[in-house]
Amino acid sequence: MTVKLKKTTCQFFTLNRQPFSPQLVYNGMPVQQSDVSIYLGCALDNKLKWTKHAELVVSKARKRLSILKRLTGVKWGCNRDTLNTTYKTYIQPIIIKKIYHPKSDP
């Protein structure tokens, strides 16, 4: 296995308030440290809080909500059944999958 240090980061999980940042070295090169990393679609921060993950899910859902805004025109908008179907197939799976099953990401 070859390790590409440009793509490799390390992260330390701790609940201490004092910063913990030892320097890791691989083949004489330092490994970049990260406070937040995304693993299988879950945003993990070094304090193991879910705030970054929730922000990620909300931002993805907000981007997709713009489709519903476009479909609800005042003079020509889609009917309620179409809007419900669009929400349930395009937006709701992101929210349910990421909040209730954060490890099940394809």
PDB file of N, CA and C in Angstrom:
ATOM      1  N   MET A   1       0.842  -1.167   0.000  1.00  0.00           N
ATOM      2  CA  MET A   1       0.000   0.000   0.000  1.00  0.00           C
ATOM      3  C   MET A   1       0.893   1.237   0.000  1.00  0.00           C
ATOM      4  N   THR A   2       0.573   2.173  -0.859  1.00  0.00           N
ATOM      5  CA  THR A   2       1.327   3.418  -0.879  1.00  0.00           C
ATOM      6  C   THR A   2       0.502   4.511  -0.213  1.00  0.00           C
ATOM      7  N   VAL A   3       1.147   5.298   0.579  1.00  0.00           N
ATOM      8  CA  VAL A   3       0.493   6.388   1.302  1.00  0.00           C
ATOM      9  C   VAL A   3       0.829   7.690   0.604  1.00  0.00           C
ATOM     10  N   LYS A   4      -0.216   8.437   0.230  1.00  0.00           N
ATOM     11  CA  LYS A   4      -0.020   9.743  -0.384  1.00  0.00           C
ATOM     12  C   LYS A   4      -0.233  10.800   0.691  1.00  0.00           C
ATOM     13  N   LEU A   5       0.836  11.445   1.096  1.00  0.00           N
ATOM     14  CA  LEU A   5       0.770  12.397   2.206  1.00  0.00           C
ATOM     15  C   LEU A   5      -0.029  13.645   1.851  1.00  0.00           C
ATOM     16  N   LYS A   6      -0.202  13.950   0.572  1.00  0.00           N
ATOM     17  CA  LYS A   6      -1.017  15.113   0.201  1.00  0.00           C
ATOM     18  C   LYS A   6      -2.489  14.867   0.503  1.00  0.00           C
ATOM     19  N   LYS A   7      -2.907  13.605   0.473  1.00  0.00           N
ATOM     20  CA  LYS A   7      -4.300  13.257   0.731  1.00  0.00           C
ATOM     21  C   LYS A   7      -4.526  12.733   2.147  1.00  0.00           C
ATOM     22  N   THR A   8      -3.471  12.486   2.896  1.00  0.00           N
ATOM     23  CA  THR A   8      -3.566  11.874   4.212  1.00  0.00           C
ATOM     24  C   THR A   8      -3.592  12.930   5.303  1.00  0.00           C
ATOM     25  N   THR A   9      -4.523  12.788   6.233  1.00  0.00           N
ATOM     26  CA  THR A   9      -4.567  13.650   7.403  1.00  0.00           C
ATOM     27  C   THR A   9      -4.730  12.776   8.643  1.00  0.00           C
ATOM     28  N   CYS A  10      -4.353  13.328   9.774  1.00  0.00           N
ATOM     29  CA  CYS A  10      -4.574  12.628  11.041  1.00  0.00           C
ATOM     30  C   CYS A  10      -5.463  13.501  11.920  1.00  0.00           C
ATOM     31  N   GLN A  11      -6.159  12.842  12.808  1.00  0.00           N
ATOM     32  CA  GLN A  11      -7.069  13.547  13.697  1.00  0.00           C
ATOM     33  C   GLN A  11      -7.022  12.870  15.055  1.00  0.00           C
ATOM     34  N   PHE A  12      -6.972  13.672  16.107  1.00  0.00           N
ATOM     35  CA  PHE A  12      -6.933  13.157  17.472  1.00  0.00           C
ATOM     36  C   PHE A  12      -8.255  13.487  18.151  1.00  0.00           C
ATOM     37  N   PHE A  13      -8.886  12.487  18.730  1.00  0.00           N
ATOM     38  CA  PHE A  13     -10.149  12.656  19.435  1.00  0.00           C
ATOM     39  C   PHE A  13      -9.868  12.751  20.922  1.00  0.00           C
ATOM     40  N   THR A  14     -10.320  13.841  21.537  1.00  0.00           N
ATOM     41  CA  THR A  14     -10.112  14.035  22.960  1.00  0.00           C
ATOM     42  C   THR A  14     -11.190  14.958  23.509  1.00  0.00           C
ATOM     43  N   LEU A  15     -11.496  14.787  24.775  1.00  0.00           N
ATOM     44  CA  LEU A  15     -12.444  15.670  25.448  1.00  0.00           C
ATOM     45  C   LEU A  15     -11.729  16.686  26.329  1.00  0.00           C
ATOM     46  N   ASN A  16     -10.415  16.654  26.343  1.00  0.00           N
ATOM     47  CA  ASN A  16      -9.648  17.625  27.125  1.00  0.00           C
ATOM     48  C   ASN A  16      -9.789  19.018  26.533  1.00  0.00           C
ATOM     49  N   ARG A  17      -9.752  20.004  27.380  1.00  0.00           N
ATOM     50  CA  ARG A  17      -9.831  21.385  26.911  1.00  0.00           C
ATOM     51  C   ARG A  17      -8.484  21.901  26.428  1.00  0.00           C
ATOM     52  N   GLN A  18      -7.439  21.282  26.890  1.00  0.00           N
ATOM     53  CA  GLN A  18      -6.105  21.689  26.462  1.00  0.00           C
ATOM     54  C   GLN A  18      -5.826  21.118  25.076  1.00  0.00           C
ATOM     55  N   PRO A  19      -5.228  21.889  24.214  1.00  0.00           N
ATOM     56  CA  PRO A  19      -4.954  21.381  22.865  1.00  0.00           C
ATOM     57  C   PRO A  19      -3.972  20.218  22.895  1.00  0.00           C
ATOM     58  N   PHE A  20      -4.260  19.235  22.079  1.00  0.00           N
ATOM     59  CA  PHE A  20      -3.430  18.037  21.990  1.00  0.00           C
ATOM     60  C   PHE A  20      -3.013  17.889  20.532  1.00  0.00           C
ATOM     61  N   SER A  21      -1.758  18.166  20.239  1.00  0.00           N
ATOM     62  CA  SER A  21      -1.334  18.112  18.846  1.00  0.00           C
ATOM     63  C   SER A  21       0.103  17.621  18.705  1.00  0.00           C
ATOM     64  N   PRO A  22       0.320  16.331  18.920  1.00  0.00           N
ATOM     65  CA  PRO A  22       1.657  15.808  18.646  1.00  0.00           C
ATOM     66  C   PRO A  22       1.887  15.748  17.136  1.00  0.00           C
ATOM     67  N   GLN A  23       3.114  15.803  16.735  1.00  0.00           N
ATOM     68  CA  GLN A  23       3.450  15.799  15.315  1.00  0.00           C
ATOM     69  C   GLN A  23       3.723  14.363  14.861  1.00  0.00           C
ATOM     70  N   LEU A  24       2.923  13.866  13.935  1.00  0.00           N
ATOM     71  CA  LEU A  24       3.150  12.542  13.373  1.00  0.00           C
ATOM     72  C   LEU A  24       4.022  12.669  12.128  1.00  0.00           C
ATOM     73  N   VAL A  25       4.925  11.715  11.964  1.00  0.00           N
ATOM     74  CA  VAL A  25       5.847  11.723  10.834  1.00  0.00           C
ATOM     75  C   VAL A  25       5.778  10.371  10.144  1.00  0.00           C
ATOM     76  N   TYR A  26       5.696  10.383   8.810  1.00  0.00           N
ATOM     77  CA  TYR A  26       5.700   9.163   8.022  1.00  0.00           C
ATOM     78  C   TYR A  26       6.792   9.283   6.970  1.00  0.00           C
ATOM     79  N   ASN A  27       7.753   8.389   7.012  1.00  0.00           N
ATOM     80  CA  ASN A  27       8.903   8.427   6.098  1.00  0.00           C
ATOM     81  C   ASN A  27       9.611   9.776   6.099  1.00  0.00           C
ATOM     82  N   GLY A  28       9.739  10.363   7.269  1.00  0.00           N
ATOM     83  CA  GLY A  28      10.442  11.628   7.396  1.00  0.00           C
ATOM     84  C   GLY A  28       9.631  12.850   7.021  1.00  0.00           C
ATOM     85  N   MET A  29       8.380  12.673   6.603  1.00  0.00           N
ATOM     86  CA  MET A  29       7.515  13.797   6.226  1.00  0.00           C
ATOM     87  C   MET A  29       6.408  13.941   7.263  1.00  0.00           C
ATOM     88  N   PRO A  30       6.084  15.173   7.684  1.00  0.00           N
ATOM     89  CA  PRO A  30       5.009  15.356   8.663  1.00  0.00           C
ATOM     90  C   PRO A  30       3.636  15.086   8.044  1.00  0.00           C
ATOM     91  N   VAL A  31       2.760  14.511   8.842  1.00  0.00           N
ATOM     92  CA  VAL A  31       1.391  14.229   8.421  1.00  0.00           C
ATOM     93  C   VAL A  31       0.516  15.409   8.832  1.00  0.00           C
ATOM     94  N   GLN A  32      -0.286  15.895   7.900  1.00  0.00           N
ATOM     95  CA  GLN A  32      -1.156  17.044   8.153  1.00  0.00           C
ATOM     96  C   GLN A  32      -2.237  16.672   9.165  1.00  0.00           C
ATOM     97  N   GLN A  33      -2.515  17.602  10.112  1.00  0.00           N
ATOM     98  CA  GLN A  33      -3.546  17.374  11.121  1.00  0.00           C
ATOM     99  C   GLN A  33      -4.827  18.099  10.734  1.00  0.00           C
ATOM    100  N   SER A  34      -5.953  17.531  11.158  1.00  0.00           N
ATOM    101  CA  SER A  34      -7.253  18.097  10.840  1.00  0.00           C
ATOM    102  C   SER A  34      -8.132  18.087  12.086  1.00  0.00           C
ATOM    103  N   ASP A  35      -8.938  19.131  12.263  1.00  0.00           N
ATOM    104  CA  ASP A  35      -9.888  19.174  13.378  1.00  0.00           C
ATOM    105  C   ASP A  35     -11.205  18.504  13.017  1.00  0.00           C
ATOM    106  N   VAL A  36     -11.574  18.542  11.736  1.00  0.00           N
ATOM    107  CA  VAL A  36     -12.807  17.926  11.257  1.00  0.00           C
ATOM    108  C   VAL A  36     -12.476  17.105  10.018  1.00  0.00           C
ATOM    109  N   SER A  37     -12.976  15.879   9.998  1.00  0.00           N
ATOM    110  CA  SER A  37     -12.799  15.055   8.812  1.00  0.00           C
ATOM    111  C   SER A  37     -14.122  14.394   8.469  1.00  0.00           C
ATOM    112  N   ILE A  38     -14.275  14.071   7.205  1.00  0.00           N
ATOM    113  CA  ILE A  38     -15.493  13.418   6.750  1.00  0.00           C
ATOM    114  C   ILE A  38     -15.144  11.968   6.456  1.00  0.00           C
ATOM    115  N   TYR A  39     -15.818  11.061   7.132  1.00  0.00           N
ATOM    116  CA  TYR A  39     -15.584   9.634   6.986  1.00  0.00           C
ATOM    117  C   TYR A  39     -16.916   8.954   6.722  1.00  0.00           C
ATOM    118  N   LEU A  40     -17.045   8.333   5.565  1.00  0.00           N
ATOM    119  CA  LEU A  40     -18.283   7.676   5.154  1.00  0.00           C
ATOM    120  C   LEU A  40     -19.486   8.609   5.235  1.00  0.00           C
ATOM    121  N   GLY A  41     -19.291   9.855   4.880  1.00  0.00           N
ATOM    122  CA  GLY A  41     -20.382  10.821   4.862  1.00  0.00           C
ATOM    123  C   GLY A  41     -20.675  11.479   6.197  1.00  0.00           C
ATOM    124  N   CYS A  42     -19.964  11.114   7.239  1.00  0.00           N
ATOM    125  CA  CYS A  42     -20.169  11.703   8.562  1.00  0.00           C
ATOM    126  C   CYS A  42     -19.036  12.677   8.859  1.00  0.00           C
ATOM    127  N   ALA A  43     -19.392  13.852   9.307  1.00  0.00           N
ATOM    128  CA  ALA A  43     -18.387  14.838   9.703  1.00  0.00           C
ATOM    129  C   ALA A  43     -18.039  14.600  11.171  1.00  0.00           C
ATOM    130  N   LEU A  44     -16.791  14.245  11.410  1.00  0.00           N
ATOM    131  CA  LEU A  44     -16.320  13.970  12.771  1.00  0.00           C
ATOM    132  C   LEU A  44     -15.373  15.078  13.195  1.00  0.00           C
ATOM    133  N   ASP A  45     -15.663  15.698  14.332  1.00  0.00           N
ATOM    134  CA  ASP A  45     -14.732  16.698  14.848  1.00  0.00           C
ATOM    135  C   ASP A  45     -13.960  16.103  16.019  1.00  0.00           C
ATOM    136  N   ASN A  46     -12.914  16.796  16.450  1.00  0.00           N
ATOM    137  CA  ASN A  46     -12.016  16.225  17.451  1.00  0.00           C
ATOM    138  C   ASN A  46     -12.631  16.145  18.844  1.00  0.00           C
ATOM    139  N   LYS A  47     -13.769  16.766  19.083  1.00  0.00           N
ATOM    140  CA  LYS A  47     -14.468  16.657  20.368  1.00  0.00           C
ATOM    141  C   LYS A  47     -15.623  15.662  20.312  1.00  0.00           C
ATOM    142  N   LEU A  48     -15.800  15.009  19.159  1.00  0.00           N
ATOM    143  CA  LEU A  48     -16.863  14.034  18.940  1.00  0.00           C
ATOM    144  C   LEU A  48     -18.252  14.619  19.181  1.00  0.00           C
ATOM    145  N   LYS A  49     -18.442  15.838  18.730  1.00  0.00           N
ATOM    146  CA  LYS A  49     -19.768  16.465  18.755  1.00  0.00           C
ATOM    147  C   LYS A  49     -20.366  16.314  17.364  1.00  0.00           C
ATOM    148  N   TRP A  50     -21.667  16.369  17.259  1.00  0.00           N
ATOM    149  CA  TRP A  50     -22.340  16.171  15.980  1.00  0.00           C
ATOM    150  C   TRP A  50     -22.739  17.491  15.326  1.00  0.00           C
ATOM    151  N   THR A  51     -22.245  18.610  15.820  1.00  0.00           N
ATOM    152  CA  THR A  51     -22.663  19.897  15.262  1.00  0.00           C
ATOM    153  C   THR A  51     -22.188  20.072  13.825  1.00  0.00           C
ATOM    154  N   LYS A  52     -20.966  19.697  13.511  1.00  0.00           N
ATOM    155  CA  LYS A  52     -20.465  19.824  12.134  1.00  0.00           C
ATOM    156  C   LYS A  52     -21.239  18.917  11.192  1.00  0.00           C
ATOM    157  N   HIS A  53     -21.576  17.723  11.664  1.00  0.00           N
ATOM    158  CA  HIS A  53     -22.345  16.801  10.833  1.00  0.00           C
ATOM    159  C   HIS A  53     -23.747  17.358  10.579  1.00  0.00           C
ATOM    160  N   ALA A  54     -24.375  17.901  11.610  1.00  0.00           N
ATOM    161  CA  ALA A  54     -25.703  18.481  11.437  1.00  0.00           C
ATOM    162  C   ALA A  54     -25.654  19.664  10.478  1.00  0.00           C
ATOM    163  N   GLU A  55     -24.606  20.488  10.570  1.00  0.00           N
ATOM    164  CA  GLU A  55     -24.461  21.609   9.637  1.00  0.00           C
ATOM    165  C   GLU A  55     -24.305  21.117   8.202  1.00  0.00           C
ATOM    166  N   LEU A  56     -23.588  20.027   8.018  1.00  0.00           N
ATOM    167  CA  LEU A  56     -23.413  19.452   6.689  1.00  0.00           C
ATOM    168  C   LEU A  56     -24.742  18.962   6.115  1.00  0.00           C
ATOM    169  N   VAL A  57     -25.536  18.278   6.931  1.00  0.00           N
ATOM    170  CA  VAL A  57     -26.836  17.778   6.486  1.00  0.00           C
ATOM    171  C   VAL A  57     -27.770  18.937   6.158  1.00  0.00           C
ATOM    172  N   VAL A  58     -27.788  19.956   7.002  1.00  0.00           N
ATOM    173  CA  VAL A  58     -28.657  21.111   6.764  1.00  0.00           C
ATOM    174  C   VAL A  58     -28.263  21.835   5.476  1.00  0.00           C
ATOM    175  N   SER A  59     -26.972  21.979   5.231  1.00  0.00           N
ATOM    176  CA  SER A  59     -26.557  22.675   4.011  1.00  0.00           C
ATOM    177  C   SER A  59     -26.940  21.880   2.766  1.00  0.00           C
ATOM    178  N   LYS A  60     -26.834  20.554   2.805  1.00  0.00           N
ATOM    179  CA  LYS A  60     -27.245  19.737   1.661  1.00  0.00           C
ATOM    180  C   LYS A  60     -28.752  19.830   1.441  1.00  0.00           C
ATOM    181  N   ALA A  61     -29.516  19.793   2.529  1.00  0.00           N
ATOM    182  CA  ALA A  61     -30.973  19.881   2.402  1.00  0.00           C
ATOM    183  C   ALA A  61     -31.398  21.253   1.890  1.00  0.00           C
ATOM    184  N   ARG A  62     -30.751  22.314   2.340  1.00  0.00           N
ATOM    185  CA  ARG A  62     -31.101  23.662   1.862  1.00  0.00           C
ATOM    186  C   ARG A  62     -30.838  23.828   0.377  1.00  0.00           C
ATOM    187  N   LYS A  63     -29.764  23.231  -0.114  1.00  0.00           N
ATOM    188  CA  LYS A  63     -29.481  23.308  -1.545  1.00  0.00           C
ATOM    189  C   LYS A  63     -30.584  22.642  -2.355  1.00  0.00           C
ATOM    190  N   ARG A  64     -31.089  21.538  -1.843  1.00  0.00           N
ATOM    191  CA  ARG A  64     -32.146  20.831  -2.559  1.00  0.00           C
ATOM    192  C   ARG A  64     -33.515  21.480  -2.383  1.00  0.00           C
ATOM    193  N   LEU A  65     -33.698  22.263  -1.341  1.00  0.00           N
ATOM    194  CA  LEU A  65     -34.974  22.949  -1.150  1.00  0.00           C
ATOM    195  C   LEU A  65     -35.220  23.994  -2.233  1.00  0.00           C
ATOM    196  N   SER A  66     -34.165  24.450  -2.890  1.00  0.00           N
ATOM    197  CA  SER A  66     -34.358  25.432  -3.953  1.00  0.00           C
ATOM    198  C   SER A  66     -35.186  24.849  -5.095  1.00  0.00           C
ATOM    199  N   ILE A  67     -35.150  23.535  -5.269  1.00  0.00           N
ATOM    200  CA  ILE A  67     -35.984  22.908  -6.301  1.00  0.00           C
ATOM    201  C   ILE A  67     -37.449  23.072  -5.954  1.00  0.00           C
ATOM    202  N   LEU A  68     -37.798  22.879  -4.680  1.00  0.00           N
ATOM    203  CA  LEU A  68     -39.194  23.072  -4.276  1.00  0.00           C
ATOM    204  C   LEU A  68     -39.626  24.519  -4.461  1.00  0.00           C
ATOM    205  N   LYS A  69     -38.721  25.443  -4.198  1.00  0.00           N
ATOM    206  CA  LYS A  69     -39.064  26.850  -4.385  1.00  0.00           C
ATOM    207  C   LYS A  69     -39.360  27.147  -5.847  1.00  0.00           C
ATOM    208  N   ARG A  70     -38.605  26.526  -6.729  1.00  0.00           N
ATOM    209  CA  ARG A  70     -38.832  26.738  -8.161  1.00  0.00           C
ATOM    210  C   ARG A  70     -40.126  26.089  -8.633  1.00  0.00           C
ATOM    211  N   LEU A  71     -40.519  24.979  -8.003  1.00  0.00           N
ATOM    212  CA  LEU A  71     -41.736  24.284  -8.411  1.00  0.00           C
ATOM    213  C   LEU A  71     -43.009  24.932  -7.883  1.00  0.00           C
ATOM    214  N   THR A  72     -42.881  25.834  -6.922  1.00  0.00           N
ATOM    215  CA  THR A  72     -44.071  26.463  -6.330  1.00  0.00           C
ATOM    216  C   THR A  72     -44.246  27.871  -6.855  1.00  0.00           C
ATOM    217  N   GLY A  73     -44.503  28.002  -8.131  1.00  0.00           N
ATOM    218  CA  GLY A  73     -44.768  29.316  -8.710  1.00  0.00           C
ATOM    219  C   GLY A  73     -46.145  29.806  -8.296  1.00  0.00           C
ATOM    220  N   VAL A  74     -46.323  31.111  -8.186  1.00  0.00           N
ATOM    221  CA  VAL A  74     -47.603  31.675  -7.752  1.00  0.00           C
ATOM    222  C   VAL A  74     -48.679  31.457  -8.813  1.00  0.00           C
ATOM    223  N   LYS A  75     -48.351  31.667 -10.066  1.00  0.00           N
ATOM    224  CA  LYS A  75     -49.346  31.562 -11.143  1.00  0.00           C
ATOM    225  C   LYS A  75     -49.400  30.180 -11.778  1.00  0.00           C
ATOM    226  N   TRP A  76     -48.334  29.438 -11.728  1.00  0.00           N
ATOM    227  CA  TRP A  76     -48.294  28.173 -12.458  1.00  0.00           C
ATOM    228  C   TRP A  76     -47.831  26.990 -11.616  1.00  0.00           C
ATOM    229  N   GLY A  77     -47.617  27.125 -10.343  1.00  0.00           N
ATOM    230  CA  GLY A  77     -46.961  26.123  -9.498  1.00  0.00           C
ATOM    231  C   GLY A  77     -47.557  24.737  -9.567  1.00  0.00           C
ATOM    232  N   CYS A  78     -46.771  23.748  -9.191  1.00  0.00           N
ATOM    233  CA  CYS A  78     -47.197  22.349  -9.184  1.00  0.00           C
ATOM    234  C   CYS A  78     -48.207  22.117  -8.062  1.00  0.00           C
ATOM    235  N   ASN A  79     -48.970  21.034  -8.207  1.00  0.00           N
ATOM    236  CA  ASN A  79     -49.947  20.744  -7.156  1.00  0.00           C
ATOM    237  C   ASN A  79     -49.244  20.150  -5.930  1.00  0.00           C
ATOM    238  N   ARG A  80     -49.981  20.030  -4.864  1.00  0.00           N
ATOM    239  CA  ARG A  80     -49.417  19.595  -3.586  1.00  0.00           C
ATOM    240  C   ARG A  80     -48.861  18.175  -3.647  1.00  0.00           C
ATOM    241  N   ASP A  81     -49.516  17.283  -4.382  1.00  0.00           N
ATOM    242  CA  ASP A  81     -49.020  15.908  -4.476  1.00  0.00           C
ATOM    243  C   ASP A  81     -47.642  15.856  -5.129  1.00  0.00           C
ATOM    244  N   THR A  82     -47.434  16.643  -6.165  1.00  0.00           N
ATOM    245  CA  THR A  82     -46.125  16.680  -6.820  1.00  0.00           C
ATOM    246  C   THR A  82     -45.062  17.228  -5.885  1.00  0.00           C
ATOM    247  N   LEU A  83     -45.401  18.265  -5.131  1.00  0.00           N
ATOM    248  CA  LEU A  83     -44.450  18.838  -4.184  1.00  0.00           C
ATOM    249  C   LEU A  83     -44.115  17.850  -3.068  1.00  0.00           C
ATOM    250  N   ASN A  84     -45.121  17.141  -2.557  1.00  0.00           N
ATOM    251  CA  ASN A  84     -44.875  16.133  -1.517  1.00  0.00           C
ATOM    252  C   ASN A  84     -43.998  15.005  -2.039  1.00  0.00           C
ATOM    253  N   THR A  85     -44.275  14.549  -3.242  1.00  0.00           N
ATOM    254  CA  THR A  85     -43.467  13.479  -3.831  1.00  0.00           C
ATOM    255  C   THR A  85     -42.033  13.932  -4.039  1.00  0.00           C
ATOM    256  N   THR A  86     -41.850  15.152  -4.525  1.00  0.00           N
ATOM    257  CA  THR A  86     -40.504  15.686  -4.736  1.00  0.00           C
ATOM    258  C   THR A  86     -39.759  15.773  -3.414  1.00  0.00           C
ATOM    259  N   TYR A  87     -40.427  16.260  -2.376  1.00  0.00           N
ATOM    260  CA  TYR A  87     -39.780  16.353  -1.064  1.00  0.00           C
ATOM    261  C   TYR A  87     -39.406  14.976  -0.541  1.00  0.00           C
ATOM    262  N   LYS A  88     -40.344  14.034  -0.612  1.00  0.00           N
ATOM    263  CA  LYS A  88     -40.108  12.704  -0.033  1.00  0.00           C
ATOM    264  C   LYS A  88     -39.052  11.903  -0.784  1.00  0.00           C
ATOM    265  N   THR A  89     -38.864  12.170  -2.066  1.00  0.00           N
ATOM    266  CA  THR A  89     -37.884  11.403  -2.826  1.00  0.00           C
ATOM    267  C   THR A  89     -36.534  12.089  -2.948  1.00  0.00           C
ATOM    268  N   TYR A  90     -36.491  13.399  -2.797  1.00  0.00           N
ATOM    269  CA  TYR A  90     -35.254  14.115  -3.075  1.00  0.00           C
ATOM    270  C   TYR A  90     -34.619  14.772  -1.852  1.00  0.00           C
ATOM    271  N   ILE A  91     -35.408  15.184  -0.881  1.00  0.00           N
ATOM    272  CA  ILE A  91     -34.881  15.917   0.277  1.00  0.00           C
ATOM    273  C   ILE A  91     -34.938  15.074   1.557  1.00  0.00           C
ATOM    274  N   GLN A  92     -36.068  14.466   1.825  1.00  0.00           N
ATOM    275  CA  GLN A  92     -36.240  13.710   3.065  1.00  0.00           C
ATOM    276  C   GLN A  92     -35.226  12.573   3.232  1.00  0.00           C
ATOM    277  N   PRO A  93     -34.845  11.840   2.178  1.00  0.00           N
ATOM    278  CA  PRO A  93     -33.849  10.777   2.393  1.00  0.00           C
ATOM    279  C   PRO A  93     -32.506  11.281   2.922  1.00  0.00           C
ATOM    280  N   ILE A  94     -32.103  12.476   2.537  1.00  0.00           N
ATOM    281  CA  ILE A  94     -30.849  13.038   3.059  1.00  0.00           C
ATOM    282  C   ILE A  94     -30.968  13.256   4.557  1.00  0.00           C
ATOM    283  N   ILE A  95     -32.071  13.831   4.978  1.00  0.00           N
ATOM    284  CA  ILE A  95     -32.256  14.157   6.392  1.00  0.00           C
ATOM    285  C   ILE A  95     -32.365  12.881   7.225  1.00  0.00           C
ATOM    286  N   ILE A  96     -33.183  11.946   6.798  1.00  0.00           N
ATOM    287  CA  ILE A  96     -33.389  10.716   7.571  1.00  0.00           C
ATOM    288  C   ILE A  96     -32.135   9.858   7.571  1.00  0.00           C
ATOM    289  N   LYS A  97     -31.515   9.692   6.436  1.00  0.00           N
ATOM    290  CA  LYS A  97     -30.337   8.837   6.330  1.00  0.00           C
ATOM    291  C   LYS A  97     -29.165   9.395   7.120  1.00  0.00           C
ATOM    292  N   LYS A  98     -28.928  10.687   7.034  1.00  0.00           N
ATOM    293  CA  LYS A  98     -27.764  11.283   7.682  1.00  0.00           C
ATOM    294  C   LYS A  98     -27.966  11.488   9.173  1.00  0.00           C
ATOM    295  N   ILE A  99     -29.183  11.727   9.612  1.00  0.00           N
ATOM    296  CA  ILE A  99     -29.407  11.972  11.032  1.00  0.00           C
ATOM    297  C   ILE A  99     -29.578  10.650  11.796  1.00  0.00           C
ATOM    298  N   TYR A 100     -30.392   9.750  11.276  1.00  0.00           N
ATOM    299  CA  TYR A 100     -30.702   8.538  12.024  1.00  0.00           C
ATOM    300  C   TYR A 100     -29.754   7.387  11.726  1.00  0.00           C
ATOM    301  N   HIS A 101     -29.137   7.382  10.554  1.00  0.00           N
ATOM    302  CA  HIS A 101     -28.229   6.306  10.171  1.00  0.00           C
ATOM    303  C   HIS A 101     -26.954   6.925   9.593  1.00  0.00           C
ATOM    304  N   PRO A 102     -26.154   7.606  10.405  1.00  0.00           N
ATOM    305  CA  PRO A 102     -25.013   8.323   9.853  1.00  0.00           C
ATOM    306  C   PRO A 102     -23.935   7.438   9.235  1.00  0.00           C
ATOM    307  N   LYS A 103     -23.880   6.151   9.568  1.00  0.00           N
ATOM    308  CA  LYS A 103     -22.838   5.294   9.022  1.00  0.00           C
ATOM    309  C   LYS A 103     -23.241   4.615   7.736  1.00  0.00           C
ATOM    310  N   SER A 104     -24.497   4.700   7.326  1.00  0.00           N
ATOM    311  CA  SER A 104     -24.942   3.995   6.128  1.00  0.00           C
ATOM    312  C   SER A 104     -24.923   4.921   4.922  1.00  0.00           C
ATOM    313  N   ASP A 105     -23.741   5.242   4.455  1.00  0.00           N
ATOM    314  CA  ASP A 105     -23.570   6.101   3.285  1.00  0.00           C
ATOM    315  C   ASP A 105     -22.959   5.283   2.165  1.00  0.00           C
ATOM    316  N   PRO A 106     -23.570   5.322   0.946  1.00  0.00           N
ATOM    317  CA  PRO A 106     -23.001   4.511  -0.136  1.00  0.00           C
ATOM    318  C   PRO A 106     -21.660   5.015  -0.591  1.00  0.00           C
TER     319      PRO A 106
END
